[in-house]
Amino acid sequence: MRELDWEVNTVTVVKIIELMGSSEKSWEDAIQEAVREAAKTVKNIVGVDVRGIKADIENDKIGRYKAHVKIAFIVER
């Protein structure tokens, strides 16, 4: 996560959203896809917490990688 600049007597408001990213390539790509999707509408993203990973199996192989993530962002005031 990016280090935040803290000032005396200020409060930084951080919100958390949950997303499910998916990819046909890898779990890392699924996580990145979730971040890319969030960045389309959310500014000031400061971190991602991977809550879990799973996969869909097709023809005895992983067909789609999935990642459940929480994304933190600073709210501008």
C-alpha atoms as a PDB file:
ATOM      1  CA  MET A   1       0.000   0.000   0.000  1.00  0.00           C
ATOM      2  CA  ARG A   2       1.050   3.576  -0.631  1.00  0.00           C
ATOM      3  CA  GLU A   3       2.184   5.394   2.497  1.00  0.00           C
ATOM      4  CA  LEU A   4      -0.246   8.128   3.473  1.00  0.00           C
ATOM      5  CA  ASP A   5       0.833  11.623   4.491  1.00  0.00           C
ATOM      6  CA  TRP A   6      -0.586  12.236   7.962  1.00  0.00           C
ATOM      7  CA  GLU A   7      -0.929  15.751   9.324  1.00  0.00           C
ATOM      8  CA  VAL A   8      -1.692  16.818  12.881  1.00  0.00           C
ATOM      9  CA  ASN A   9      -5.419  17.375  13.547  1.00  0.00           C
ATOM     10  CA  THR A  10      -6.602  15.923  10.239  1.00  0.00           C
ATOM     11  CA  VAL A  11      -8.673  12.874   9.488  1.00  0.00           C
ATOM     12  CA  THR A  12      -8.248  10.842   6.337  1.00  0.00           C
ATOM     13  CA  VAL A  13     -11.409   9.076   5.245  1.00  0.00           C
ATOM     14  CA  VAL A  14     -10.799   5.739   3.574  1.00  0.00           C
ATOM     15  CA  LYS A  15     -13.570   3.677   1.996  1.00  0.00           C
ATOM     16  CA  ILE A  16     -13.460   0.000   1.119  1.00  0.00           C
ATOM     17  CA  ILE A  17     -15.287  -1.685  -1.750  1.00  0.00           C
ATOM     18  CA  GLU A  18     -15.471  -5.385  -2.584  1.00  0.00           C
ATOM     19  CA  LEU A  19     -15.066  -6.785  -6.076  1.00  0.00           C
ATOM     20  CA  MET A  20     -14.593 -10.101  -7.830  1.00  0.00           C
ATOM     21  CA  GLY A  21     -11.977 -10.019 -10.579  1.00  0.00           C
ATOM     22  CA  SER A  22     -11.622 -12.771 -13.142  1.00  0.00           C
ATOM     23  CA  SER A  23      -9.148 -13.832 -15.804  1.00  0.00           C
ATOM     24  CA  GLU A  24      -8.385 -16.712 -18.107  1.00  0.00           C
ATOM     25  CA  LYS A  25      -4.617 -16.225 -17.441  1.00  0.00           C
ATOM     26  CA  SER A  26      -3.868 -16.247 -13.699  1.00  0.00           C
ATOM     27  CA  TRP A  27      -4.977 -15.224 -10.218  1.00  0.00           C
ATOM     28  CA  GLU A  28      -2.577 -12.270 -10.364  1.00  0.00           C
ATOM     29  CA  ASP A  29      -4.266 -11.107 -13.552  1.00  0.00           C
ATOM     30  CA  ALA A  30      -7.690 -11.552 -11.920  1.00  0.00           C
ATOM     31  CA  ILE A  31      -6.588  -9.291  -9.055  1.00  0.00           C
ATOM     32  CA  GLN A  32      -5.221  -6.715 -11.489  1.00  0.00           C
ATOM     33  CA  GLU A  33      -8.474  -6.837 -13.461  1.00  0.00           C
ATOM     34  CA  ALA A  34     -10.437  -6.009 -10.297  1.00  0.00           C
ATOM     35  CA  VAL A  35      -8.142  -3.025  -9.642  1.00  0.00           C
ATOM     36  CA  ARG A  36      -8.435  -1.857 -13.277  1.00  0.00           C
ATOM     37  CA  GLU A  37     -12.213  -2.099 -13.123  1.00  0.00           C
ATOM     38  CA  ALA A  38     -12.394  -0.158  -9.843  1.00  0.00           C
ATOM     39  CA  ALA A  39     -10.060   2.529 -11.227  1.00  0.00           C
ATOM     40  CA  LYS A  40     -12.594   3.305 -13.971  1.00  0.00           C
ATOM     41  CA  THR A  41     -14.866   4.984 -11.410  1.00  0.00           C
ATOM     42  CA  VAL A  42     -12.808   5.331  -8.217  1.00  0.00           C
ATOM     43  CA  LYS A  43      -9.913   7.735  -7.624  1.00  0.00           C
ATOM     44  CA  ASN A  44      -7.145   7.609  -5.017  1.00  0.00           C
ATOM     45  CA  ILE A  45      -6.871   3.825  -4.711  1.00  0.00           C
ATOM     46  CA  VAL A  46      -4.299   3.069  -2.018  1.00  0.00           C
ATOM     47  CA  GLY A  47      -4.464  -0.681  -1.525  1.00  0.00           C
ATOM     48  CA  VAL A  48      -5.941  -4.062  -2.330  1.00  0.00           C
ATOM     49  CA  ASP A  49      -6.610  -6.891   0.113  1.00  0.00           C
ATOM     50  CA  VAL A  50      -7.068 -10.312  -1.471  1.00  0.00           C
ATOM     51  CA  ARG A  51      -9.795 -12.063   0.534  1.00  0.00           C
ATOM     52  CA  GLY A  52      -9.849 -15.274  -1.460  1.00  0.00           C
ATOM     53  CA  ILE A  53      -9.166 -17.003  -4.740  1.00  0.00           C
ATOM     54  CA  LYS A  54     -11.002 -19.728  -6.621  1.00  0.00           C
ATOM     55  CA  ALA A  55     -11.258 -21.129 -10.121  1.00  0.00           C
ATOM     56  CA  ASP A  56     -13.761 -22.602 -12.535  1.00  0.00           C
ATOM     57  CA  ILE A  57     -12.769 -25.948 -14.009  1.00  0.00           C
ATOM     58  CA  GLU A  58     -13.390 -26.698 -17.682  1.00  0.00           C
ATOM     59  CA  ASN A  59     -12.311 -29.986 -19.304  1.00  0.00           C
ATOM     60  CA  ASP A  60     -10.250 -30.956 -16.250  1.00  0.00           C
ATOM     61  CA  LYS A  61      -8.254 -27.678 -16.358  1.00  0.00           C
ATOM     62  CA  ILE A  62      -8.633 -24.236 -14.853  1.00  0.00           C
ATOM     63  CA  GLY A  63     -10.754 -22.267 -17.286  1.00  0.00           C
ATOM     64  CA  ARG A  64     -11.199 -19.048 -15.292  1.00  0.00           C
ATOM     65  CA  TYR A  65      -9.299 -17.683 -12.289  1.00  0.00           C
ATOM     66  CA  LYS A  66     -11.260 -15.563  -9.803  1.00  0.00           C
ATOM     67  CA  ALA A  67     -10.155 -13.279  -6.981  1.00  0.00           C
ATOM     68  CA  HIS A  68     -12.344 -11.757  -4.263  1.00  0.00           C
ATOM     69  CA  VAL A  69     -10.724  -8.462  -3.254  1.00  0.00           C
ATOM     70  CA  LYS A  70     -11.315  -5.427  -1.084  1.00  0.00           C
ATOM     71  CA  ILE A  71     -10.020  -2.169  -2.529  1.00  0.00           C
ATOM     72  CA  ALA A  72      -9.267   0.830  -0.295  1.00  0.00           C
ATOM     73  CA  PHE A  73      -9.377   4.412  -1.531  1.00  0.00           C
ATOM     74  CA  ILE A  74      -9.098   7.861   0.016  1.00  0.00           C
ATOM     75  CA  VAL A  75     -12.228  10.008  -0.106  1.00  0.00           C
ATOM     76  CA  GLU A  76     -11.580  13.561  -1.250  1.00  0.00           C
ATOM     77  CA  ARG A  77     -13.262  16.201   0.875  1.00  0.00           C
END
